[in-house]
Every structure is written in C-alpha cells, then in structure tokens.
Amino acid sequence: MCTLMTNVYWVLGKKSHASSDDFVAAVTDYNKKIDPVNSKWNPTQAVAFGSITVVFEALWKDEDAKVNLEIGEPNQVLTMGSVLFTLNNATVDFFKDADHCFFEGLVPCPD
C-alpha cells in the first residue's frame, strides 16, 4: 500500500497555530520525544503533487459526522509540513471534544 505520510506523530484538536514555522518546530520536538528512532517527520519532504482530500470520520460524535478537507493547489507540491499545518488548523474544533486524536500518517483511500 502506498502511503503519503507514515510514522509522523502529532495530536490534533489541541490548538491552532498562527505560524507555519512555529508549528513545524512544535511537531519536530514532539516527534523527537515520541519516537526519535523511527519518526519519518520531514517537513520539507514532498508528499503529493496537486491537491489531496483528507477524510475524517468522527464516530464519537455521530455516525455521519465527517470532515472532507481539501489541501493544496493544482500543479503545486505539497510538503509534509504544509499538509499537517493545514490539517491541524482546519480540524481544531472538530477534534476538540475527542479523547484521542493522535495523528500517525496518511494513506490513500481507494476511489
């Protein structure tokens, strides 16, 4: 199975970050603490070309509660840092009431 991001660790739903640089620094520190050996966090690594859609299902809210989040622009490279920064800030309210919102990576869904 192809992955876009794997062994990248973060907790969603805690807070929004105003600066991408501050966010990347926070994620870098978190990954060093959680798994300094196996973490694959590389904020400048390209993970896709063009936009991607990230889908979250919120079973703790309602069986129909979903977020479809479009990230990126056509014909532009998406980096790990930009994907996770956008994902984090766009889902703060969605995940704020969840007990566990641990991000560990993204995998493509079949169409």
N, C-alpha and C. Protein backbone atom coordinates (compact mmCIF):
# COMPACT_ATOMS: atom_id res chain seq x y z
N MET A 1 0.84 -1.18 0.00
CA MET A 1 0.00 0.00 0.00
C MET A 1 0.89 1.25 0.00
N CYS A 2 0.57 2.18 -0.81
CA CYS A 2 1.28 3.45 -0.90
C CYS A 2 0.86 4.34 0.29
N THR A 3 1.79 5.04 0.86
CA THR A 3 1.47 5.98 1.93
C THR A 3 1.94 7.37 1.55
N LEU A 4 1.21 8.35 2.01
CA LEU A 4 1.63 9.73 1.82
C LEU A 4 2.54 10.16 2.96
N MET A 5 2.18 9.73 4.15
CA MET A 5 2.96 10.04 5.35
C MET A 5 2.81 8.85 6.29
N THR A 6 3.89 8.42 6.90
CA THR A 6 3.82 7.35 7.88
C THR A 6 4.83 7.62 8.99
N ASN A 7 4.51 7.15 10.18
CA ASN A 7 5.37 7.38 11.35
C ASN A 7 5.65 8.86 11.57
N VAL A 8 4.59 9.65 11.41
CA VAL A 8 4.62 11.08 11.69
C VAL A 8 3.62 11.30 12.81
N TYR A 9 4.07 11.84 13.93
CA TYR A 9 3.24 11.87 15.13
C TYR A 9 2.84 13.29 15.52
N TRP A 10 1.55 13.42 15.87
CA TRP A 10 1.03 14.71 16.32
C TRP A 10 -0.31 14.46 17.01
N VAL A 11 -0.74 15.41 17.82
CA VAL A 11 -2.05 15.34 18.47
C VAL A 11 -2.92 16.44 17.89
N LEU A 12 -3.99 16.05 17.22
CA LEU A 12 -4.91 17.01 16.62
C LEU A 12 -5.92 17.48 17.67
N GLY A 13 -6.45 18.69 17.49
CA GLY A 13 -7.51 19.20 18.34
C GLY A 13 -7.05 20.01 19.54
N LYS A 14 -5.76 20.21 19.68
CA LYS A 14 -5.27 20.95 20.85
C LYS A 14 -5.33 22.46 20.63
N LYS A 15 -4.70 22.94 19.57
CA LYS A 15 -4.72 24.39 19.31
C LYS A 15 -4.35 24.69 17.87
N SER A 16 -4.78 25.85 17.44
CA SER A 16 -4.44 26.36 16.12
C SER A 16 -3.11 27.10 16.22
N HIS A 17 -2.32 27.03 15.17
CA HIS A 17 -1.02 27.69 15.14
C HIS A 17 -1.05 28.80 14.09
N ALA A 18 -0.63 30.00 14.46
CA ALA A 18 -0.63 31.13 13.54
C ALA A 18 0.52 31.05 12.54
N SER A 19 1.63 30.49 12.96
CA SER A 19 2.82 30.46 12.13
C SER A 19 3.18 29.03 11.74
N SER A 20 3.41 28.83 10.46
CA SER A 20 3.85 27.52 9.99
C SER A 20 5.20 27.14 10.60
N ASP A 21 6.10 28.10 10.72
CA ASP A 21 7.42 27.83 11.29
C ASP A 21 7.32 27.36 12.75
N ASP A 22 6.46 28.02 13.53
CA ASP A 22 6.27 27.61 14.93
C ASP A 22 5.64 26.23 15.01
N PHE A 23 4.69 25.97 14.12
CA PHE A 23 4.04 24.66 14.09
C PHE A 23 5.06 23.56 13.75
N VAL A 24 5.84 23.78 12.72
CA VAL A 24 6.85 22.79 12.31
C VAL A 24 7.83 22.52 13.46
N ALA A 25 8.22 23.56 14.17
CA ALA A 25 9.13 23.38 15.31
C ALA A 25 8.46 22.54 16.40
N ALA A 26 7.17 22.78 16.66
CA ALA A 26 6.45 22.02 17.68
C ALA A 26 6.33 20.55 17.28
N VAL A 27 6.01 20.29 16.01
CA VAL A 27 5.88 18.91 15.53
C VAL A 27 7.25 18.22 15.56
N THR A 28 8.28 18.93 15.20
CA THR A 28 9.63 18.37 15.23
C THR A 28 10.00 17.95 16.65
N ASP A 29 9.76 18.82 17.61
CA ASP A 29 10.04 18.49 19.02
C ASP A 29 9.22 17.29 19.48
N TYR A 30 7.94 17.28 19.12
CA TYR A 30 7.05 16.19 19.52
C TYR A 30 7.53 14.85 18.95
N ASN A 31 7.91 14.83 17.69
CA ASN A 31 8.38 13.59 17.07
C ASN A 31 9.70 13.11 17.68
N LYS A 32 10.56 14.04 18.05
CA LYS A 32 11.82 13.66 18.72
C LYS A 32 11.55 13.02 20.07
N LYS A 33 10.50 13.48 20.77
CA LYS A 33 10.15 12.92 22.08
C LYS A 33 9.44 11.58 21.95
N ILE A 34 8.52 11.47 21.00
CA ILE A 34 7.69 10.27 20.86
C ILE A 34 8.48 9.09 20.31
N ASP A 35 9.19 9.31 19.22
CA ASP A 35 9.91 8.20 18.59
C ASP A 35 11.12 8.73 17.80
N PRO A 36 12.19 9.06 18.50
CA PRO A 36 13.33 9.67 17.81
C PRO A 36 14.01 8.74 16.81
N VAL A 37 13.82 7.45 16.93
CA VAL A 37 14.47 6.49 16.03
C VAL A 37 13.66 6.27 14.76
N ASN A 38 12.35 6.07 14.89
CA ASN A 38 11.53 5.67 13.74
C ASN A 38 10.69 6.78 13.12
N SER A 39 10.66 7.95 13.73
CA SER A 39 9.87 9.04 13.17
C SER A 39 10.35 9.38 11.76
N LYS A 40 9.40 9.57 10.87
CA LYS A 40 9.72 9.93 9.48
C LYS A 40 9.37 11.39 9.19
N TRP A 41 9.17 12.18 10.24
CA TRP A 41 8.81 13.59 10.08
C TRP A 41 9.93 14.34 9.36
N ASN A 42 9.57 14.89 8.21
CA ASN A 42 10.48 15.71 7.42
C ASN A 42 9.61 16.78 6.78
N PRO A 43 9.49 17.95 7.40
CA PRO A 43 8.53 18.95 6.96
C PRO A 43 8.71 19.44 5.53
N THR A 44 9.89 19.28 4.96
CA THR A 44 10.11 19.76 3.58
C THR A 44 9.95 18.66 2.54
N GLN A 45 9.70 17.44 2.98
CA GLN A 45 9.53 16.33 2.03
C GLN A 45 8.22 16.45 1.26
N ALA A 46 8.28 16.31 -0.05
CA ALA A 46 7.07 16.32 -0.88
C ALA A 46 6.28 15.04 -0.65
N VAL A 47 4.97 15.18 -0.46
CA VAL A 47 4.12 14.00 -0.26
C VAL A 47 3.09 13.85 -1.38
N ALA A 48 2.86 14.91 -2.14
CA ALA A 48 1.91 14.83 -3.25
C ALA A 48 2.15 16.01 -4.18
N PHE A 49 1.69 15.85 -5.40
CA PHE A 49 1.71 16.94 -6.36
C PHE A 49 0.27 17.28 -6.68
N GLY A 50 -0.14 18.49 -6.39
CA GLY A 50 -1.54 18.87 -6.55
C GLY A 50 -2.26 18.76 -5.22
N SER A 51 -3.56 18.81 -5.27
CA SER A 51 -4.34 18.78 -4.03
C SER A 51 -4.68 17.35 -3.62
N ILE A 52 -4.94 17.19 -2.33
CA ILE A 52 -5.42 15.92 -1.79
C ILE A 52 -6.67 16.20 -0.97
N THR A 53 -7.50 15.20 -0.79
CA THR A 53 -8.66 15.30 0.09
C THR A 53 -8.43 14.37 1.26
N VAL A 54 -8.53 14.92 2.46
CA VAL A 54 -8.39 14.13 3.68
C VAL A 54 -9.78 13.97 4.28
N VAL A 55 -10.14 12.74 4.61
CA VAL A 55 -11.46 12.44 5.16
C VAL A 55 -11.30 11.89 6.57
N PHE A 56 -12.02 12.49 7.52
CA PHE A 56 -12.07 12.00 8.89
C PHE A 56 -13.49 11.62 9.21
N GLU A 57 -13.67 10.49 9.86
CA GLU A 57 -14.97 10.09 10.38
C GLU A 57 -14.92 10.24 11.89
N ALA A 58 -15.96 10.83 12.46
CA ALA A 58 -15.99 11.09 13.90
C ALA A 58 -17.02 10.20 14.56
N LEU A 59 -16.65 8.98 14.85
CA LEU A 59 -17.58 8.03 15.45
C LEU A 59 -17.98 8.43 16.86
N TRP A 60 -17.17 9.24 17.54
CA TRP A 60 -17.52 9.68 18.88
C TRP A 60 -18.61 10.75 18.86
N LYS A 61 -18.84 11.38 17.71
CA LYS A 61 -19.86 12.43 17.60
C LYS A 61 -21.17 11.86 17.10
N ASP A 62 -21.13 11.33 15.91
CA ASP A 62 -22.32 10.83 15.23
C ASP A 62 -21.81 9.97 14.09
N GLU A 63 -22.52 8.93 13.78
CA GLU A 63 -22.01 8.03 12.73
C GLU A 63 -21.88 8.71 11.38
N ASP A 64 -22.57 9.83 11.20
CA ASP A 64 -22.48 10.56 9.94
C ASP A 64 -21.55 11.76 10.00
N ALA A 65 -20.93 12.01 11.14
CA ALA A 65 -20.04 13.16 11.28
C ALA A 65 -18.74 12.89 10.53
N LYS A 66 -18.49 13.70 9.52
CA LYS A 66 -17.29 13.56 8.70
C LYS A 66 -16.73 14.93 8.37
N VAL A 67 -15.45 14.93 8.12
CA VAL A 67 -14.80 16.12 7.59
C VAL A 67 -14.11 15.71 6.30
N ASN A 68 -14.40 16.42 5.24
CA ASN A 68 -13.68 16.27 3.97
C ASN A 68 -12.89 17.55 3.79
N LEU A 69 -11.59 17.45 3.85
CA LEU A 69 -10.74 18.62 3.80
C LEU A 69 -9.85 18.57 2.57
N GLU A 70 -10.00 19.55 1.72
CA GLU A 70 -9.16 19.67 0.52
C GLU A 70 -7.92 20.47 0.90
N ILE A 71 -6.75 19.90 0.64
CA ILE A 71 -5.48 20.55 0.98
C ILE A 71 -4.64 20.68 -0.28
N GLY A 72 -4.11 21.88 -0.51
CA GLY A 72 -3.21 22.09 -1.63
C GLY A 72 -3.87 22.76 -2.82
N GLU A 73 -3.05 23.02 -3.80
CA GLU A 73 -3.46 23.68 -5.04
C GLU A 73 -3.03 22.84 -6.24
N PRO A 74 -3.78 22.92 -7.33
CA PRO A 74 -3.37 22.18 -8.54
C PRO A 74 -1.96 22.60 -8.98
N ASN A 75 -1.22 21.63 -9.45
CA ASN A 75 0.11 21.85 -10.00
C ASN A 75 1.12 22.43 -9.01
N GLN A 76 0.91 22.18 -7.73
CA GLN A 76 1.88 22.62 -6.72
C GLN A 76 2.24 21.45 -5.82
N VAL A 77 3.48 21.43 -5.38
CA VAL A 77 3.96 20.37 -4.50
C VAL A 77 3.43 20.59 -3.09
N LEU A 78 2.94 19.52 -2.49
CA LEU A 78 2.52 19.54 -1.09
C LEU A 78 3.62 18.91 -0.25
N THR A 79 4.03 19.59 0.79
CA THR A 79 5.04 19.04 1.68
C THR A 79 4.38 18.50 2.95
N MET A 80 5.11 17.65 3.65
CA MET A 80 4.62 17.12 4.92
C MET A 80 4.24 18.25 5.87
N GLY A 81 5.10 19.25 5.95
CA GLY A 81 4.84 20.38 6.85
C GLY A 81 3.58 21.13 6.49
N SER A 82 3.38 21.42 5.21
CA SER A 82 2.19 22.17 4.81
C SER A 82 0.91 21.36 4.98
N VAL A 83 0.98 20.06 4.73
CA VAL A 83 -0.20 19.21 4.90
C VAL A 83 -0.61 19.16 6.37
N LEU A 84 0.33 18.88 7.24
CA LEU A 84 -0.01 18.74 8.65
C LEU A 84 -0.40 20.08 9.28
N PHE A 85 0.23 21.16 8.87
CA PHE A 85 -0.13 22.50 9.35
C PHE A 85 -1.57 22.82 8.99
N THR A 86 -1.93 22.61 7.73
CA THR A 86 -3.29 22.87 7.28
C THR A 86 -4.28 21.96 7.98
N LEU A 87 -3.95 20.69 8.05
CA LEU A 87 -4.81 19.70 8.70
C LEU A 87 -5.04 20.05 10.17
N ASN A 88 -3.99 20.39 10.86
CA ASN A 88 -4.11 20.75 12.27
C ASN A 88 -5.05 21.94 12.46
N ASN A 89 -4.79 23.03 11.75
CA ASN A 89 -5.56 24.24 11.95
C ASN A 89 -7.01 24.10 11.51
N ALA A 90 -7.26 23.30 10.50
CA ALA A 90 -8.63 23.13 9.99
C ALA A 90 -9.48 22.21 10.86
N THR A 91 -8.86 21.42 11.71
CA THR A 91 -9.62 20.42 12.47
C THR A 91 -9.62 20.65 13.98
N VAL A 92 -9.14 21.79 14.44
CA VAL A 92 -9.09 22.04 15.89
C VAL A 92 -10.47 21.90 16.51
N ASP A 93 -11.48 22.55 15.96
CA ASP A 93 -12.83 22.47 16.53
C ASP A 93 -13.41 21.07 16.38
N PHE A 94 -13.15 20.43 15.26
CA PHE A 94 -13.69 19.09 15.01
C PHE A 94 -13.21 18.09 16.06
N PHE A 95 -11.95 18.16 16.43
CA PHE A 95 -11.36 17.19 17.34
C PHE A 95 -11.31 17.63 18.81
N LYS A 96 -11.74 18.84 19.12
CA LYS A 96 -11.55 19.35 20.49
C LYS A 96 -12.24 18.51 21.56
N ASP A 97 -13.33 17.82 21.24
CA ASP A 97 -14.06 17.02 22.23
C ASP A 97 -13.68 15.54 22.20
N ALA A 98 -12.79 15.16 21.34
CA ALA A 98 -12.40 13.75 21.23
C ALA A 98 -11.37 13.41 22.31
N ASP A 99 -11.43 12.18 22.80
CA ASP A 99 -10.47 11.75 23.83
C ASP A 99 -9.07 11.57 23.26
N HIS A 100 -8.98 10.95 22.10
CA HIS A 100 -7.68 10.66 21.50
C HIS A 100 -7.71 11.06 20.03
N CYS A 101 -6.84 11.94 19.65
CA CYS A 101 -6.75 12.43 18.26
C CYS A 101 -5.32 12.35 17.79
N PHE A 102 -4.77 11.17 17.88
CA PHE A 102 -3.36 11.02 17.54
C PHE A 102 -3.20 10.80 16.04
N PHE A 103 -2.44 11.68 15.42
CA PHE A 103 -2.12 11.57 14.00
C PHE A 103 -0.84 10.75 13.88
N GLU A 104 -0.87 9.76 12.98
CA GLU A 104 0.33 8.94 12.74
C GLU A 104 0.68 8.85 11.27
N GLY A 105 -0.15 9.40 10.40
CA GLY A 105 0.15 9.38 8.98
C GLY A 105 -1.09 9.42 8.13
N LEU A 106 -0.88 9.38 6.82
CA LEU A 106 -1.97 9.38 5.84
C LEU A 106 -1.72 8.28 4.82
N VAL A 107 -2.79 7.59 4.46
CA VAL A 107 -2.72 6.60 3.39
C VAL A 107 -3.80 6.91 2.37
N PRO A 108 -3.56 6.64 1.11
CA PRO A 108 -4.59 6.87 0.09
C PRO A 108 -5.78 5.93 0.28
N CYS A 109 -6.96 6.44 0.02
CA CYS A 109 -8.17 5.62 0.04
C CYS A 109 -8.48 5.18 -1.37
N PRO A 110 -9.05 3.99 -1.52
CA PRO A 110 -9.48 3.59 -2.86
C PRO A 110 -10.63 4.48 -3.32
N ASP A 111 -10.68 4.74 -4.59
CA ASP A 111 -11.77 5.59 -5.13
C ASP A 111 -13.10 4.90 -5.05
